PDB file of N, CA and C in Angstrom:
ATOM      1  N   MET A   1      83.581 115.943 102.681  1.00  0.00           N
ATOM      2  CA  MET A   1      84.944 116.112 103.126  1.00  0.00           C
ATOM      3  C   MET A   1      85.195 115.122 104.263  1.00  0.00           C
ATOM      4  N   PRO A   2      86.240 114.271 104.132  1.00  0.00           N
ATOM      5  CA  PRO A   2      86.509 113.296 105.190  1.00  0.00           C
ATOM      6  C   PRO A   2      87.006 113.991 106.448  1.00  0.00           C
ATOM      7  N   SER A   3      86.550 113.485 107.574  1.00  0.00           N
ATOM      8  CA  SER A   3      86.983 114.083 108.832  1.00  0.00           C
ATOM      9  C   SER A   3      88.235 113.377 109.328  1.00  0.00           C
ATOM     10  N   ALA A   4      88.985 114.091 110.137  1.00  0.00           N
ATOM     11  CA  ALA A   4      90.206 113.521 110.709  1.00  0.00           C
ATOM     12  C   ALA A   4      89.815 112.441 111.702  1.00  0.00           C
ATOM     13  N   PRO A   5      90.652 111.412 111.848  1.00  0.00           N
ATOM     14  CA  PRO A   5      90.330 110.379 112.823  1.00  0.00           C
ATOM     15  C   PRO A   5      90.267 110.968 114.223  1.00  0.00           C
ATOM     16  N   ALA A   6      89.318 110.502 114.996  1.00  0.00           N
ATOM     17  CA  ALA A   6      89.159 111.005 116.356  1.00  0.00           C
ATOM     18  C   ALA A   6      90.289 110.497 117.230  1.00  0.00           C
ATOM     19  N   PRO A   7      91.001 111.394 117.903  1.00  0.00           N
ATOM     20  CA  PRO A   7      92.087 110.945 118.772  1.00  0.00           C
ATOM     21  C   PRO A   7      91.545 110.228 119.999  1.00  0.00           C
ATOM     22  N   VAL A   8      92.297 109.278 120.476  1.00  0.00           N
ATOM     23  CA  VAL A   8      91.960 108.524 121.673  1.00  0.00           C
ATOM     24  C   VAL A   8      93.018 108.852 122.712  1.00  0.00           C
ATOM     25  N   GLN A   9      92.614 109.007 123.953  1.00  0.00           N
ATOM     26  CA  GLN A   9      93.567 109.353 125.006  1.00  0.00           C
ATOM     27  C   GLN A   9      94.567 108.222 125.199  1.00  0.00           C
ATOM     28  N   VAL A  10      95.843 108.537 125.037  1.00  0.00           N
ATOM     29  CA  VAL A  10      96.929 107.586 125.260  1.00  0.00           C
ATOM     30  C   VAL A  10      97.949 108.291 126.124  1.00  0.00           C
ATOM     31  N   GLY A  11      98.076 107.882 127.367  1.00  0.00           N
ATOM     32  CA  GLY A  11      99.020 108.565 128.241  1.00  0.00           C
ATOM     33  C   GLY A  11      98.581 109.992 128.499  1.00  0.00           C
ATOM     34  N   LYS A  12      99.538 110.913 128.530  1.00  0.00           N
ATOM     35  CA  LYS A  12      99.247 112.304 128.842  1.00  0.00           C
ATOM     36  C   LYS A  12      98.775 113.097 127.632  1.00  0.00           C
ATOM     37  N   SER A  13      99.344 112.800 126.465  1.00  0.00           N
ATOM     38  CA  SER A  13      99.058 113.596 125.281  1.00  0.00           C
ATOM     39  C   SER A  13      98.441 112.733 124.198  1.00  0.00           C
ATOM     40  N   VAL A  14      97.723 113.384 123.327  1.00  0.00           N
ATOM     41  CA  VAL A  14      97.155 112.701 122.179  1.00  0.00           C
ATOM     42  C   VAL A  14      97.402 113.573 120.962  1.00  0.00           C
ATOM     43  N   LEU A  15      97.991 112.972 119.940  1.00  0.00           N
ATOM     44  CA  LEU A  15      98.201 113.672 118.682  1.00  0.00           C
ATOM     45  C   LEU A  15      97.515 112.903 117.576  1.00  0.00           C
ATOM     46  N   SER A  16      96.937 113.623 116.645  1.00  0.00           N
ATOM     47  CA  SER A  16      96.463 112.983 115.425  1.00  0.00           C
ATOM     48  C   SER A  16      97.691 112.721 114.554  1.00  0.00           C
ATOM     49  N   SER A  17      97.530 111.933 113.517  1.00  0.00           N
ATOM     50  CA  SER A  17      98.667 111.680 112.631  1.00  0.00           C
ATOM     51  C   SER A  17      99.122 112.974 111.957  1.00  0.00           C
ATOM     52  N   THR A  18      98.195 113.873 111.691  1.00  0.00           N
ATOM     53  CA  THR A  18      98.551 115.163 111.093  1.00  0.00           C
ATOM     54  C   THR A  18      99.389 116.002 112.063  1.00  0.00           C
ATOM     55  N   GLU A  19      98.989 116.013 113.325  1.00  0.00           N
ATOM     56  CA  GLU A  19      99.756 116.756 114.335  1.00  0.00           C
ATOM     57  C   GLU A  19     101.132 116.128 114.553  1.00  0.00           C
ATOM     58  N   ALA A  20     101.197 114.802 114.534  1.00  0.00           N
ATOM     59  CA  ALA A  20     102.486 114.118 114.684  1.00  0.00           C
ATOM     60  C   ALA A  20     103.395 114.457 113.510  1.00  0.00           C
ATOM     61  N   ARG A  21     102.838 114.457 112.295  1.00  0.00           N
ATOM     62  CA  ARG A  21     103.623 114.826 111.119  1.00  0.00           C
ATOM     63  C   ARG A  21     104.190 116.229 111.298  1.00  0.00           C
ATOM     64  N   GLN A  22     103.372 117.145 111.771  1.00  0.00           N
ATOM     65  CA  GLN A  22     103.814 118.526 111.971  1.00  0.00           C
ATOM     66  C   GLN A  22     104.934 118.601 113.004  1.00  0.00           C
ATOM     67  N   LYS A  23     104.784 117.868 114.115  1.00  0.00           N
ATOM     68  CA  LYS A  23     105.831 117.877 115.145  1.00  0.00           C
ATOM     69  C   LYS A  23     107.122 117.256 114.618  1.00  0.00           C
ATOM     70  N   LEU A  24     107.017 116.207 113.826  1.00  0.00           N
ATOM     71  CA  LEU A  24     108.209 115.580 113.252  1.00  0.00           C
ATOM     72  C   LEU A  24     108.892 116.521 112.265  1.00  0.00           C
ATOM     73  N   LEU A  25     108.099 117.222 111.466  1.00  0.00           N
ATOM     74  CA  LEU A  25     108.682 118.177 110.525  1.00  0.00           C
ATOM     75  C   LEU A  25     109.345 119.353 111.254  1.00  0.00           C
ATOM     76  N   GLU A  26     108.769 119.765 112.380  1.00  0.00           N
ATOM     77  CA  GLU A  26     109.395 120.815 113.189  1.00  0.00           C
ATOM     78  C   GLU A  26     110.717 120.324 113.762  1.00  0.00           C
ATOM     79  N   LEU A  27     110.750 119.081 114.245  1.00  0.00           N
ATOM     80  CA  LEU A  27     111.990 118.487 114.734  1.00  0.00           C
ATOM     81  C   LEU A  27     113.031 118.481 113.622  1.00  0.00           C
ATOM     82  N   TYR A  28     112.613 118.071 112.445  1.00  0.00           N
ATOM     83  CA  TYR A  28     113.527 118.026 111.300  1.00  0.00           C
ATOM     84  C   TYR A  28     114.071 119.416 110.989  1.00  0.00           C
ATOM     85  N   LYS A  29     113.181 120.380 110.896  1.00  0.00           N
ATOM     86  CA  LYS A  29     113.580 121.748 110.526  1.00  0.00           C
ATOM     87  C   LYS A  29     114.461 122.402 111.590  1.00  0.00           C
ATOM     88  N   ASN A  30     114.109 122.221 112.857  1.00  0.00           N
ATOM     89  CA  ASN A  30     114.781 122.948 113.927  1.00  0.00           C
ATOM     90  C   ASN A  30     116.016 122.257 114.502  1.00  0.00           C
ATOM     91  N   LYS A  31     116.055 120.945 114.482  1.00  0.00           N
ATOM     92  CA  LYS A  31     117.151 120.221 115.126  1.00  0.00           C
ATOM     93  C   LYS A  31     118.026 119.437 114.152  1.00  0.00           C
ATOM     94  N   ILE A  32     117.409 118.778 113.176  1.00  0.00           N
ATOM     95  CA  ILE A  32     118.170 117.890 112.294  1.00  0.00           C
ATOM     96  C   ILE A  32     118.786 118.649 111.126  1.00  0.00           C
ATOM     97  N   LEU A  33     117.983 119.398 110.417  1.00  0.00           N
ATOM     98  CA  LEU A  33     118.447 120.108 109.231  1.00  0.00           C
ATOM     99  C   LEU A  33     119.638 121.039 109.499  1.00  0.00           C
ATOM    100  N   PRO A  34     119.655 121.774 110.620  1.00  0.00           N
ATOM    101  CA  PRO A  34     120.823 122.629 110.863  1.00  0.00           C
ATOM    102  C   PRO A  34     122.142 121.854 110.993  1.00  0.00           C
ATOM    103  N   LYS A  35     122.066 120.585 111.396  1.00  0.00           N
ATOM    104  CA  LYS A  35     123.279 119.787 111.582  1.00  0.00           C
ATOM    105  C   LYS A  35     123.603 118.913 110.379  1.00  0.00           C
ATOM    106  N   PHE A  36     122.566 118.501 109.643  1.00  0.00           N
ATOM    107  CA  PHE A  36     122.745 117.550 108.547  1.00  0.00           C
ATOM    108  C   PHE A  36     122.001 118.059 107.312  1.00  0.00           C
ATOM    109  N   LEU A  37     122.746 118.450 106.315  1.00  0.00           N
ATOM    110  CA  LEU A  37     122.136 119.039 105.126  1.00  0.00           C
ATOM    111  C   LEU A  37     121.773 118.018 104.054  1.00  0.00           C
ATOM    112  N   ASN A  38     122.199 116.758 104.207  1.00  0.00           N
ATOM    113  CA  ASN A  38     121.913 115.750 103.189  1.00  0.00           C
ATOM    114  C   ASN A  38     120.503 115.198 103.367  1.00  0.00           C
ATOM    115  N   HIS A  39     119.567 115.707 102.577  1.00  0.00           N
ATOM    116  CA  HIS A  39     118.168 115.293 102.667  1.00  0.00           C
ATOM    117  C   HIS A  39     117.967 113.856 102.213  1.00  0.00           C
ATOM    118  N   ASP A  40     118.769 113.393 101.255  1.00  0.00           N
ATOM    119  CA  ASP A  40     118.586 112.065 100.677  1.00  0.00           C
ATOM    120  C   ASP A  40     118.808 110.952 101.686  1.00  0.00           C
ATOM    121  N   LYS A  41     119.562 111.220 102.739  1.00  0.00           N
ATOM    122  CA  LYS A  41     119.858 110.206 103.742  1.00  0.00           C
ATOM    123  C   LYS A  41     119.263 110.569 105.095  1.00  0.00           C
ATOM    124  N   GLY A  42     118.348 111.518 105.107  1.00  0.00           N
ATOM    125  CA  GLY A  42     117.781 112.007 106.355  1.00  0.00           C
ATOM    126  C   GLY A  42     116.864 111.013 107.036  1.00  0.00           C
ATOM    127  N   ILE A  43     116.903 111.011 108.355  1.00  0.00           N
ATOM    128  CA  ILE A  43     116.057 110.103 109.122  1.00  0.00           C
ATOM    129  C   ILE A  43     114.577 110.467 108.969  1.00  0.00           C
ATOM    130  N   LEU A  44     114.298 111.712 108.598  1.00  0.00           N
ATOM    131  CA  LEU A  44     112.904 112.112 108.366  1.00  0.00           C
ATOM    132  C   LEU A  44     112.662 112.542 106.914  1.00  0.00           C
ATOM    133  N   ARG A  45     113.426 111.940 105.984  1.00  0.00           N
ATOM    134  CA  ARG A  45     113.135 112.185 104.568  1.00  0.00           C
ATOM    135  C   ARG A  45     111.738 111.627 104.272  1.00  0.00           C
ATOM    136  N   LYS A  46     111.179 111.993 103.150  1.00  0.00           N
ATOM    137  CA  LYS A  46     109.774 111.686 102.866  1.00  0.00           C
ATOM    138  C   LYS A  46     109.427 110.208 103.060  1.00  0.00           C
ATOM    139  N   GLU A  47     110.198 109.313 102.474  1.00  0.00           N
ATOM    140  CA  GLU A  47     109.855 107.887 102.565  1.00  0.00           C
ATOM    141  C   GLU A  47     109.951 107.373 104.007  1.00  0.00           C
ATOM    142  N   MET A  48     110.905 107.881 104.778  1.00  0.00           N
ATOM    143  CA  MET A  48     111.017 107.474 106.179  1.00  0.00           C
ATOM    144  C   MET A  48     109.888 108.059 107.010  1.00  0.00           C
ATOM    145  N   LEU A  49     109.582 109.317 106.780  1.00  0.00           N
ATOM    146  CA  LEU A  49     108.486 109.958 107.503  1.00  0.00           C
ATOM    147  C   LEU A  49     107.195 109.185 107.285  1.00  0.00           C
ATOM    148  N   GLU A  50     106.915 108.830 106.024  1.00  0.00           N
ATOM    149  CA  GLU A  50     105.700 108.074 105.712  1.00  0.00           C
ATOM    150  C   GLU A  50     105.701 106.710 106.396  1.00  0.00           C
ATOM    151  N   ALA A  51     106.838 106.020 106.370  1.00  0.00           N
ATOM    152  CA  ALA A  51     106.937 104.697 106.998  1.00  0.00           C
ATOM    153  C   ALA A  51     106.747 104.800 108.510  1.00  0.00           C
ATOM    154  N   ILE A  52     107.324 105.809 109.112  1.00  0.00           N
ATOM    155  CA  ILE A  52     107.179 105.998 110.558  1.00  0.00           C
ATOM    156  C   ILE A  52     105.730 106.281 110.922  1.00  0.00           C
ATOM    157  N   LEU A  53     105.083 107.159 110.176  1.00  0.00           N
ATOM    158  CA  LEU A  53     103.694 107.498 110.479  1.00  0.00           C
ATOM    159  C   LEU A  53     102.735 106.353 110.159  1.00  0.00           C
ATOM    160  N   ARG A  54     103.084 105.520 109.203  1.00  0.00           N
ATOM    161  CA  ARG A  54     102.242 104.375 108.852  1.00  0.00           C
ATOM    162  C   ARG A  54     102.366 103.265 109.903  1.00  0.00           C
ATOM    163  N   ASN A  55     103.580 103.041 110.405  1.00  0.00           N
ATOM    164  CA  ASN A  55     103.836 101.913 111.304  1.00  0.00           C
ATOM    165  C   ASN A  55     103.847 102.268 112.792  1.00  0.00           C
ATOM    166  N   LEU A  56     104.068 103.537 113.111  1.00  0.00           N
ATOM    167  CA  LEU A  56     104.037 104.051 114.482  1.00  0.00           C
ATOM    168  C   LEU A  56     104.921 103.271 115.469  1.00  0.00           C
ATOM    169  N   PRO A  57     106.199 103.116 115.162  1.00  0.00           N
ATOM    170  CA  PRO A  57     107.075 102.442 116.129  1.00  0.00           C
ATOM    171  C   PRO A  57     107.291 103.324 117.352  1.00  0.00           C
ATOM    172  N   THR A  58     107.300 102.706 118.534  1.00  0.00           N
ATOM    173  CA  THR A  58     107.492 103.483 119.760  1.00  0.00           C
ATOM    174  C   THR A  58     108.741 103.064 120.528  1.00  0.00           C
ATOM    175  N   THR A  59     109.444 102.063 120.025  1.00  0.00           N
ATOM    176  CA  THR A  59     110.699 101.623 120.642  1.00  0.00           C
ATOM    177  C   THR A  59     111.726 101.404 119.532  1.00  0.00           C
ATOM    178  N   PRO A  60     113.011 101.405 119.880  1.00  0.00           N
ATOM    179  CA  PRO A  60     114.021 101.096 118.855  1.00  0.00           C
ATOM    180  C   PRO A  60     113.803  99.716 118.228  1.00  0.00           C
ATOM    181  N   GLU A  61     113.334  98.771 119.027  1.00  0.00           N
ATOM    182  CA  GLU A  61     113.070  97.426 118.506  1.00  0.00           C
ATOM    183  C   GLU A  61     111.948  97.456 117.462  1.00  0.00           C
ATOM    184  N   GLU A  62     110.882  98.184 117.760  1.00  0.00           N
ATOM    185  CA  GLU A  62     109.783  98.299 116.794  1.00  0.00           C
ATOM    186  C   GLU A  62     110.247  99.043 115.541  1.00  0.00           C
ATOM    187  N   PHE A  63     111.089 100.036 115.727  1.00  0.00           N
ATOM    188  CA  PHE A  63     111.628 100.765 114.579  1.00  0.00           C
ATOM    189  C   PHE A  63     112.349  99.788 113.645  1.00  0.00           C
ATOM    190  N   ARG A  64     113.217  98.950 114.218  1.00  0.00           N
ATOM    191  CA  ARG A  64     113.946  97.967 113.400  1.00  0.00           C
ATOM    192  C   ARG A  64     112.999  96.935 112.788  1.00  0.00           C
ATOM    193  N   GLU A  65     111.950  96.573 113.515  1.00  0.00           N
ATOM    194  CA  GLU A  65     111.011  95.561 113.027  1.00  0.00           C
ATOM    195  C   GLU A  65     110.080  96.117 111.947  1.00  0.00           C
ATOM    196  N   PHE A  66     109.567  97.331 112.139  1.00  0.00           N
ATOM    197  CA  PHE A  66     108.514  97.872 111.273  1.00  0.00           C
ATOM    198  C   PHE A  66     109.013  98.699 110.095  1.00  0.00           C
ATOM    199  N   ILE A  67     110.179  99.305 110.222  1.00  0.00           N
ATOM    200  CA  ILE A  67     110.684 100.169 109.151  1.00  0.00           C
ATOM    201  C   ILE A  67     111.550  99.318 108.224  1.00  0.00           C
ATOM    202  N   PRO A  68     111.231  99.301 106.944  1.00  0.00           N
ATOM    203  CA  PRO A  68     111.972  98.439 106.016  1.00  0.00           C
ATOM    204  C   PRO A  68     113.479  98.675 106.046  1.00  0.00           C
ATOM    205  N   LEU A  69     114.212  97.578 105.954  1.00  0.00           N
ATOM    206  CA  LEU A  69     115.671  97.631 105.972  1.00  0.00           C
ATOM    207  C   LEU A  69     116.211  98.536 104.876  1.00  0.00           C
ATOM    208  N   LYS A  70     115.578  98.501 103.698  1.00  0.00           N
ATOM    209  CA  LYS A  70     116.064  99.333 102.596  1.00  0.00           C
ATOM    210  C   LYS A  70     116.022 100.819 102.954  1.00  0.00           C
ATOM    211  N   PHE A  71     115.091 101.240 103.803  1.00  0.00           N
ATOM    212  CA  PHE A  71     115.032 102.636 104.252  1.00  0.00           C
ATOM    213  C   PHE A  71     116.085 102.885 105.327  1.00  0.00           C
ATOM    214  N   ARG A  72     116.202 101.955 106.257  1.00  0.00           N
ATOM    215  CA  ARG A  72     117.152 102.129 107.362  1.00  0.00           C
ATOM    216  C   ARG A  72     118.590 102.135 106.875  1.00  0.00           C
ATOM    217  N   GLU A  73     118.904 101.309 105.899  1.00  0.00           N
ATOM    218  CA  GLU A  73     120.274 101.222 105.394  1.00  0.00           C
ATOM    219  C   GLU A  73     120.741 102.509 104.730  1.00  0.00           C
ATOM    220  N   VAL A  74     119.825 103.245 104.132  1.00  0.00           N
ATOM    221  CA  VAL A  74     120.170 104.478 103.419  1.00  0.00           C
ATOM    222  C   VAL A  74     120.314 105.659 104.386  1.00  0.00           C
ATOM    223  N   THR A  75     119.738 105.540 105.566  1.00  0.00           N
ATOM    224  CA  THR A  75     119.738 106.636 106.531  1.00  0.00           C
ATOM    225  C   THR A  75     121.133 106.883 107.088  1.00  0.00           C
ATOM    226  N   ASP A  76     121.507 108.150 107.152  1.00  0.00           N
ATOM    227  CA  ASP A  76     122.782 108.566 107.738  1.00  0.00           C
ATOM    228  C   ASP A  76     122.824 108.078 109.189  1.00  0.00           C
ATOM    229  N   PRO A  77     123.773 107.200 109.535  1.00  0.00           N
ATOM    230  CA  PRO A  77     123.832 106.665 110.901  1.00  0.00           C
ATOM    231  C   PRO A  77     123.946 107.746 111.976  1.00  0.00           C
ATOM    232  N   LYS A  78     124.570 108.866 111.636  1.00  0.00           N
ATOM    233  CA  LYS A  78     124.715 109.949 112.613  1.00  0.00           C
ATOM    234  C   LYS A  78     123.363 110.549 112.996  1.00  0.00           C
ATOM    235  N   GLN A  79     122.389 110.445 112.092  1.00  0.00           N
ATOM    236  CA  GLN A  79     121.069 111.009 112.372  1.00  0.00           C
ATOM    237  C   GLN A  79     120.239 110.117 113.296  1.00  0.00           C
ATOM    238  N   MET A  80     120.714 108.902 113.536  1.00  0.00           N
ATOM    239  CA  MET A  80     119.993 108.005 114.440  1.00  0.00           C
ATOM    240  C   MET A  80     119.969 108.549 115.870  1.00  0.00           C
ATOM    241  N   GLN A  81     120.816 109.533 116.164  1.00  0.00           N
ATOM    242  CA  GLN A  81     120.780 110.165 117.483  1.00  0.00           C
ATOM    243  C   GLN A  81     119.422 110.808 117.758  1.00  0.00           C
ATOM    244  N   PHE A  82     118.650 111.084 116.694  1.00  0.00           N
ATOM    245  CA  PHE A  82     117.345 111.715 116.853  1.00  0.00           C
ATOM    246  C   PHE A  82     116.207 110.701 116.979  1.00  0.00           C
ATOM    247  N   LEU A  83     116.525 109.413 116.885  1.00  0.00           N
ATOM    248  CA  LEU A  83     115.479 108.395 116.986  1.00  0.00           C
ATOM    249  C   LEU A  83     114.699 108.494 118.299  1.00  0.00           C
ATOM    250  N   PRO A  84     115.335 108.677 119.449  1.00  0.00           N
ATOM    251  CA  PRO A  84     114.540 108.809 120.682  1.00  0.00           C
ATOM    252  C   PRO A  84     113.535 109.967 120.626  1.00  0.00           C
ATOM    253  N   ASN A  85     113.934 111.088 120.018  1.00  0.00           N
ATOM    254  CA  ASN A  85     113.016 112.227 119.879  1.00  0.00           C
ATOM    255  C   ASN A  85     111.823 111.853 119.000  1.00  0.00           C
ATOM    256  N   ILE A  86     112.110 111.151 117.915  1.00  0.00           N
ATOM    257  CA  ILE A  86     111.065 110.734 116.980  1.00  0.00           C
ATOM    258  C   ILE A  86     110.104 109.770 117.670  1.00  0.00           C
ATOM    259  N   LEU A  87     110.649 108.809 118.391  1.00  0.00           N
ATOM    260  CA  LEU A  87     109.805 107.812 119.066  1.00  0.00           C
ATOM    261  C   LEU A  87     108.949 108.450 120.153  1.00  0.00           C
ATOM    262  N   GLU A  88     109.471 109.459 120.837  1.00  0.00           N
ATOM    263  CA  GLU A  88     108.677 110.160 121.852  1.00  0.00           C
ATOM    264  C   GLU A  88     107.461 110.840 121.216  1.00  0.00           C
ATOM    265  N   ILE A  89     107.652 111.426 120.049  1.00  0.00           N
ATOM    266  CA  ILE A  89     106.518 112.047 119.352  1.00  0.00           C
ATOM    267  C   ILE A  89     105.519 110.977 118.942  1.00  0.00           C
ATOM    268  N   ILE A  90     105.999 109.866 118.406  1.00  0.00           N
ATOM    269  CA  ILE A  90     105.110 108.801 117.956  1.00  0.00           C
ATOM    270  C   ILE A  90     104.327 108.196 119.125  1.00  0.00           C
ATOM    271  N   LYS A  91     104.923 108.154 120.304  1.00  0.00           N
ATOM    272  CA  LYS A  91     104.215 107.632 121.474  1.00  0.00           C
ATOM    273  C   LYS A  91     102.977 108.456 121.810  1.00  0.00           C
ATOM    274  N   GLU A  92     102.945 109.685 121.343  1.00  0.00           N
ATOM    275  CA  GLU A  92     101.814 110.570 121.620  1.00  0.00           C
ATOM    276  C   GLU A  92     100.684 110.439 120.599  1.00  0.00           C
ATOM    277  N   VAL A  93     100.881 109.618 119.577  1.00  0.00           N
ATOM    278  CA  VAL A  93      99.885 109.506 118.510  1.00  0.00           C
ATOM    279  C   VAL A  93      98.749 108.602 118.945  1.00  0.00           C
ATOM    280  N   ALA A  94      97.543 109.065 118.681  1.00  0.00           N
ATOM    281  CA  ALA A  94      96.360 108.235 118.905  1.00  0.00           C
ATOM    282  C   ALA A  94      96.211 107.305 117.704  1.00  0.00           C
ATOM    283  N   GLU A  95      96.052 106.044 117.972  1.00  0.00           N
ATOM    284  CA  GLU A  95      95.923 105.085 116.863  1.00  0.00           C
ATOM    285  C   GLU A  95      94.509 105.058 116.343  1.00  0.00           C
TER     286      GLU A  95
END
C-alpha cells in the first residue's frame, strides 16, 4: 500500500494534498454551493480541483499562469470571489 507523501513544514500549517482536497471540498460545500448551484461552471468543479491540486498556485498570477485557459474561461466569473480562499488553502500544502 503506497504511503502518503510526508508533509514538509511550510509556514505555520502543513497540509497533505489529501487534506487540502478535503478543505477545498468543505469550502465548496459550505460557502460556494449554497450561493451557486451550477456545478458545470464551478470554480471547484472536478477538472478545476484537479488542476489546482496538481499545479498548487498560491497567487492570482500563478493561478492564471498554471491553470489552463480552457478551464478558467468556463468558470463562472462570480465564483472568482472565492479564489483568495482557495489560494490560502493551497499555501498550506506541503509540496
